[in-house]
Amino acid sequence: MAEPPKTVAGVLKAGTDYLAGKGVPEPRAACERLLGRLLQCPCLELPLRRDAVLDEKRLEAMRRGVRRVAAGEPVQYVLGRTEFFGHTFKTDRRALIPRPETEILVEEVLACAPLWETAGTRRPAVVDVGTGSGCVVISLALARPQALYVGLDPSAEAVALARENAAALGVADRVAFAVEELSDSIEPESLDAVAANLPYVATAEYENLPRHIRDHEPRSALDGGPDGLAVIREVVPDASCALRTGGRLFLEIAAGQKDSAASLLEGAGFRDVRARKDLAGVDRIVSGVLR
């Protein structure tokens, strides 16, 4: 008897069942992303193609992708890209995978009207600390091209990836990147805003992260020391030095860190400190205005 044709629906079910058996989280979503890339269509269109038959070349590519995900590799690394704030970013092991909650950090910066009102007299200066793939600063540059942007990261590999993303998205001439810390590269009282998605996972919690995160994403972008605030504790006073009076600091934080992070900002001279929750109801962004 001839082998039944490998339809989109059949391949999707087989891949989902296989990944579920391997304990992969959200197995269907992972398979949909792999198939969508192979067929060059949005995942939402897959039901419309459920009866389409995959040729052997695409079948083998799908098998390779499923095997990599089953072995624990994040699907974003398998695909080599991910969507963030409506843009496609190259994604690999050089930097943390852009996540939906970090889009809230971008939203908070863009929604800060006083920051952008300076555009009438001068160009606002914005620095992204711990830029990683560049997703935050590049998204800001695409939305508000009138500002001056810098992305900083201590990892040369991450900065190389960020530069590749800036070039691919057409903002290489609008965003400068450097392998430096904030205190090493920015003149005092020269910035209007600092945005930062820094390592904030406590070391003990890092050891218990799912393997697709712990074994593949850079530890330096995740492990924030004993209480998760070690890097944030260093950057907050550096930001207070680099910002002008009235400048703003925007930090992404982990669940349960709001009060500690707010205290750090207030102790460094920030006022109007507030938090914004993510879609899961977790306090995700803490921001303040320099006195």
Protein backbone atom coordinates (compact mmCIF):
# COMPACT_ATOMS: atom_id res chain seq x y z
CA MET A 1 0.00 0.00 0.00
CA ALA A 2 1.31 3.44 -0.90
CA GLU A 3 2.22 5.76 1.95
CA PRO A 4 -0.48 8.40 2.50
CA PRO A 5 0.40 11.89 1.29
CA LYS A 6 2.03 14.21 3.82
CA THR A 7 -0.50 16.98 4.09
CA VAL A 8 -0.08 20.13 6.14
CA ALA A 9 -2.69 18.89 8.59
CA GLY A 10 -1.05 15.49 8.93
CA VAL A 11 2.45 16.86 9.36
CA LEU A 12 1.24 19.39 11.89
CA LYS A 13 -0.48 16.72 13.96
CA ALA A 14 2.46 14.31 13.80
CA GLY A 15 4.96 17.00 14.76
CA THR A 16 2.78 18.28 17.58
CA ASP A 17 2.31 14.79 19.00
CA TYR A 18 6.04 14.10 18.79
CA LEU A 19 7.03 17.32 20.56
CA ALA A 20 4.34 16.85 23.20
CA GLY A 21 5.78 13.42 23.91
CA LYS A 22 9.19 15.03 24.42
CA GLY A 23 7.77 17.50 26.92
CA VAL A 24 8.25 20.56 24.72
CA PRO A 25 6.08 23.50 25.88
CA GLU A 26 3.44 24.72 23.41
CA PRO A 27 4.26 21.99 20.87
CA ARG A 28 1.57 22.96 18.35
CA ALA A 29 2.69 26.59 18.28
CA ALA A 30 6.27 25.45 17.64
CA CYS A 31 5.18 23.23 14.75
CA GLU A 32 3.02 25.97 13.29
CA ARG A 33 5.98 28.34 13.28
CA LEU A 34 8.19 25.78 11.58
CA LEU A 35 5.56 25.02 8.94
CA GLY A 36 4.72 28.66 8.39
CA ARG A 37 8.38 29.39 7.66
CA LEU A 38 8.65 26.45 5.27
CA LEU A 39 5.51 27.44 3.40
CA GLN A 40 6.29 31.16 3.67
CA CYS A 41 2.89 32.00 5.05
CA PRO A 42 1.49 33.31 8.36
CA CYS A 43 0.57 30.61 10.86
CA LEU A 44 -3.05 31.77 10.70
CA GLU A 45 -3.16 30.67 7.05
CA LEU A 46 -2.17 27.07 7.78
CA PRO A 47 -5.79 25.86 8.24
CA LEU A 48 -6.51 27.12 4.72
CA ARG A 49 -3.70 24.90 3.44
CA ARG A 50 -4.48 21.84 5.55
CA ASP A 51 -4.86 19.57 2.50
CA ALA A 52 -1.75 20.81 0.70
CA VAL A 53 0.89 18.10 0.24
CA LEU A 54 4.49 18.82 1.26
CA ASP A 55 7.23 17.73 -1.09
CA GLU A 56 10.10 15.61 0.20
CA LYS A 57 12.47 18.57 0.49
CA ARG A 58 10.12 20.45 2.80
CA LEU A 59 9.25 17.29 4.69
CA GLU A 60 12.90 16.67 5.47
CA ALA A 61 13.41 20.28 6.50
CA MET A 62 10.40 19.99 8.81
CA ARG A 63 11.80 16.79 10.32
CA ARG A 64 15.14 18.49 11.01
CA GLY A 65 13.44 21.43 12.66
CA VAL A 66 11.22 19.24 14.81
CA ARG A 67 14.21 17.17 15.92
CA ARG A 68 16.10 20.30 16.98
CA VAL A 69 13.13 21.62 18.95
CA ALA A 70 12.62 18.17 20.52
CA ALA A 71 16.27 18.26 21.64
CA GLY A 72 15.54 21.47 23.55
CA GLU A 73 16.59 24.20 21.12
CA PRO A 74 14.26 27.22 21.10
CA VAL A 75 12.16 27.36 17.95
CA GLN A 76 13.26 30.98 17.43
CA TYR A 77 16.86 29.82 17.10
CA VAL A 78 15.85 27.02 14.75
CA LEU A 79 14.05 29.52 12.54
CA GLY A 80 16.78 32.11 12.94
CA ARG A 81 14.28 34.90 13.43
CA THR A 82 11.40 36.12 15.57
CA GLU A 83 8.76 38.83 15.47
CA PHE A 84 9.00 41.77 17.85
CA PHE A 85 6.92 44.94 17.81
CA GLY A 86 5.78 44.22 14.26
CA HIS A 87 9.29 43.68 12.89
CA THR A 88 11.31 40.58 12.08
CA PHE A 89 14.60 40.27 13.96
CA LYS A 90 17.42 37.86 13.28
CA THR A 91 17.67 35.64 16.33
CA ASP A 92 20.47 33.30 17.37
CA ARG A 93 22.50 32.18 20.36
CA ARG A 94 24.47 35.42 20.50
CA ALA A 95 21.64 37.18 22.34
CA LEU A 96 18.48 36.69 24.35
CA ILE A 97 15.34 35.91 22.34
CA PRO A 98 13.09 39.00 22.14
CA ARG A 99 9.95 38.39 24.19
CA PRO A 100 6.43 39.87 24.11
CA GLU A 101 6.74 41.41 27.58
CA THR A 102 9.68 43.50 26.37
CA GLU A 103 7.36 45.11 23.85
CA ILE A 104 5.79 46.83 26.88
CA LEU A 105 9.14 48.48 27.56
CA VAL A 106 9.09 49.92 24.03
CA GLU A 107 5.47 51.00 24.46
CA GLU A 108 6.27 52.84 27.69
CA VAL A 109 9.11 54.79 26.09
CA LEU A 110 7.01 55.69 23.05
CA ALA A 111 4.06 56.75 25.22
CA CYS A 112 6.18 59.22 27.21
CA ALA A 113 5.02 62.47 25.61
CA PRO A 114 7.46 64.81 27.44
CA LEU A 115 10.39 62.84 26.05
CA TRP A 116 9.37 63.43 22.46
CA GLU A 117 8.30 67.04 22.97
CA THR A 118 11.97 68.02 23.04
CA ALA A 119 12.01 67.34 19.31
CA GLY A 120 10.97 70.97 18.70
CA THR A 121 14.26 72.30 20.11
CA ARG A 122 16.71 69.39 19.84
CA ARG A 123 16.87 65.69 19.14
CA PRO A 124 16.16 63.52 22.20
CA ALA A 125 19.07 61.25 23.15
CA VAL A 126 18.03 57.69 24.06
CA VAL A 127 20.28 54.82 25.16
CA ASP A 128 19.31 51.15 25.32
CA VAL A 129 21.45 49.40 27.96
CA GLY A 130 21.89 45.66 27.49
CA THR A 131 20.70 45.94 23.91
CA GLY A 132 21.14 42.25 23.01
CA SER A 133 19.60 41.68 19.59
CA GLY A 134 18.86 45.41 19.36
CA CYS A 135 15.11 44.83 19.37
CA VAL A 136 14.29 47.67 21.78
CA VAL A 137 16.44 50.46 20.34
CA ILE A 138 15.73 49.48 16.73
CA SER A 139 11.98 49.43 17.37
CA LEU A 140 12.26 52.89 18.93
CA ALA A 141 14.29 54.19 16.00
CA LEU A 142 11.72 52.90 13.53
CA ALA A 143 8.85 54.50 15.43
CA ARG A 144 10.56 57.81 16.33
CA PRO A 145 13.28 58.50 13.76
CA GLN A 146 13.85 62.04 15.05
CA ALA A 147 15.87 60.95 18.10
CA LEU A 148 19.52 60.03 18.64
CA TYR A 149 19.95 56.37 19.61
CA VAL A 150 22.71 54.26 21.11
CA GLY A 151 22.63 50.56 22.00
CA LEU A 152 25.14 49.27 24.56
CA ASP A 153 26.02 45.73 25.56
CA PRO A 154 29.06 44.13 27.22
CA SER A 155 28.84 41.22 24.76
CA ALA A 156 30.62 41.78 21.45
CA GLU A 157 28.62 38.93 19.93
CA ALA A 158 25.32 40.53 20.92
CA VAL A 159 26.39 43.90 19.51
CA ALA A 160 27.36 42.24 16.23
CA LEU A 161 23.87 40.73 16.02
CA ALA A 162 22.25 44.06 16.86
CA ARG A 163 24.19 45.74 14.06
CA GLU A 164 23.03 43.08 11.62
CA ASN A 165 19.43 43.67 12.66
CA ALA A 166 19.80 47.44 12.36
CA ALA A 167 21.17 47.06 8.83
CA ALA A 168 18.43 44.63 7.81
CA LEU A 169 15.71 46.96 9.13
CA GLY A 170 17.18 50.07 7.56
CA VAL A 171 18.29 52.00 10.66
CA ALA A 172 22.04 51.37 10.66
CA ASP A 173 22.61 55.07 10.11
CA ARG A 174 20.29 56.03 12.98
CA VAL A 175 21.52 53.76 15.78
CA ALA A 176 25.08 53.58 17.10
CA PHE A 177 26.16 50.42 18.94
CA ALA A 178 29.09 49.89 21.28
CA VAL A 179 30.54 47.08 23.40
CA GLU A 180 30.55 49.20 26.54
CA GLU A 181 28.87 49.89 29.85
CA LEU A 182 26.76 52.99 30.36
CA SER A 183 29.28 54.53 32.80
CA ASP A 184 32.14 54.05 30.34
CA SER A 185 30.65 55.62 27.25
CA ILE A 186 28.10 58.36 28.00
CA GLU A 187 28.85 61.87 29.18
CA PRO A 188 27.12 62.98 32.41
CA GLU A 189 23.78 64.78 32.05
CA SER A 190 23.64 64.14 28.31
CA LEU A 191 20.67 61.77 27.91
CA ASP A 192 16.92 62.20 27.82
CA ALA A 193 16.03 58.54 28.35
CA VAL A 194 17.59 55.22 29.29
CA ALA A 195 15.74 51.99 28.51
CA ALA A 196 17.06 48.71 29.87
CA ASN A 197 16.09 45.05 29.76
CA LEU A 198 18.83 43.74 32.03
CA PRO A 199 19.45 40.29 33.53
CA TYR A 200 16.90 39.94 36.34
CA VAL A 201 16.58 36.22 37.08
CA ALA A 202 17.89 35.23 40.52
CA THR A 203 20.72 32.71 40.28
CA ALA A 204 18.82 30.01 42.16
CA GLU A 205 15.84 30.47 39.83
CA TYR A 206 18.12 30.39 36.78
CA GLU A 207 19.13 26.84 37.59
CA ASN A 208 15.47 25.81 37.42
CA LEU A 209 14.63 27.51 34.12
CA PRO A 210 13.26 25.29 31.32
CA ARG A 211 16.08 23.65 29.39
CA HIS A 212 15.27 25.46 26.14
CA ILE A 213 16.13 28.68 27.97
CA ARG A 214 18.86 27.55 30.36
CA ASP A 215 20.82 25.44 27.89
CA HIS A 216 20.66 27.73 24.86
CA GLU A 217 20.20 31.42 25.68
CA PRO A 218 23.19 33.40 27.03
CA ARG A 219 23.40 33.08 30.80
CA SER A 220 24.91 36.56 31.00
CA ALA A 221 21.65 37.99 29.64
CA LEU A 222 19.53 36.20 32.24
CA ASP A 223 21.36 35.65 35.54
CA GLY A 224 20.97 38.74 37.71
CA GLY A 225 22.82 37.46 40.76
CA PRO A 226 21.52 36.25 44.13
CA ASP A 227 18.39 38.43 44.15
CA GLY A 228 18.16 39.10 40.41
CA LEU A 229 18.97 42.78 40.90
CA ALA A 230 22.77 42.79 40.78
CA VAL A 231 23.07 44.36 37.31
CA ILE A 232 20.07 46.65 37.81
CA ARG A 233 21.66 47.87 41.05
CA GLU A 234 24.72 49.00 39.07
CA VAL A 235 22.88 50.56 36.15
CA VAL A 236 20.40 52.71 38.09
CA PRO A 237 23.02 55.11 39.57
CA ASP A 238 24.88 55.14 36.24
CA ALA A 239 21.64 56.21 34.57
CA SER A 240 21.05 58.95 37.13
CA CYS A 241 24.48 60.33 36.26
CA ALA A 242 24.01 60.08 32.49
CA LEU A 243 20.52 61.60 32.38
CA ARG A 244 19.66 65.28 32.30
CA THR A 245 17.36 66.67 34.97
CA GLY A 246 13.90 65.50 33.92
CA GLY A 247 15.36 62.55 32.02
CA ARG A 248 13.64 59.20 32.29
CA LEU A 249 14.70 55.68 33.16
CA PHE A 250 12.65 52.67 32.01
CA LEU A 251 13.50 49.23 33.41
CA GLU A 252 12.07 45.80 32.70
CA ILE A 253 11.90 43.72 35.88
CA ALA A 254 10.83 40.28 37.07
CA ALA A 255 7.78 39.37 39.12
CA GLY A 256 8.20 40.41 42.74
CA GLN A 257 10.90 43.02 42.09
CA LYS A 258 8.72 46.12 41.89
CA ASP A 259 9.27 47.42 45.42
CA SER A 260 13.01 46.76 45.41
CA ALA A 261 13.47 48.33 41.98
CA ALA A 262 11.36 51.35 42.94
CA SER A 263 13.50 51.85 46.05
CA LEU A 264 16.65 51.76 43.91
CA LEU A 265 15.26 54.45 41.63
CA GLU A 266 14.11 56.66 44.49
CA GLY A 267 17.47 56.29 46.23
CA ALA A 268 19.25 57.37 43.04
CA GLY A 269 17.26 60.59 42.75
CA PHE A 270 14.27 59.58 40.64
CA ARG A 271 10.76 60.87 41.33
CA ASP A 272 7.32 59.89 40.04
CA VAL A 273 8.40 56.25 40.16
CA ARG A 274 5.68 53.97 38.85
CA ALA A 275 5.13 50.45 37.57
CA ARG A 276 3.24 49.01 34.63
CA LYS A 277 1.87 45.50 34.52
CA ASP A 278 2.14 43.09 31.62
CA LEU A 279 -0.80 41.16 30.16
CA ALA A 280 -0.41 38.50 32.85
CA GLY A 281 -0.86 41.10 35.59
CA VAL A 282 2.82 41.05 36.59
CA ASP A 283 4.57 44.33 37.40
CA ARG A 284 6.92 44.37 34.42
CA ILE A 285 8.18 47.93 33.88
CA VAL A 286 9.39 50.40 36.49
CA SER A 287 10.11 53.97 35.40
CA GLY A 288 11.05 57.26 36.99
CA VAL A 289 11.99 60.88 36.27
CA LEU A 290 15.32 62.29 37.41
CA ARG A 291 15.02 65.18 39.87
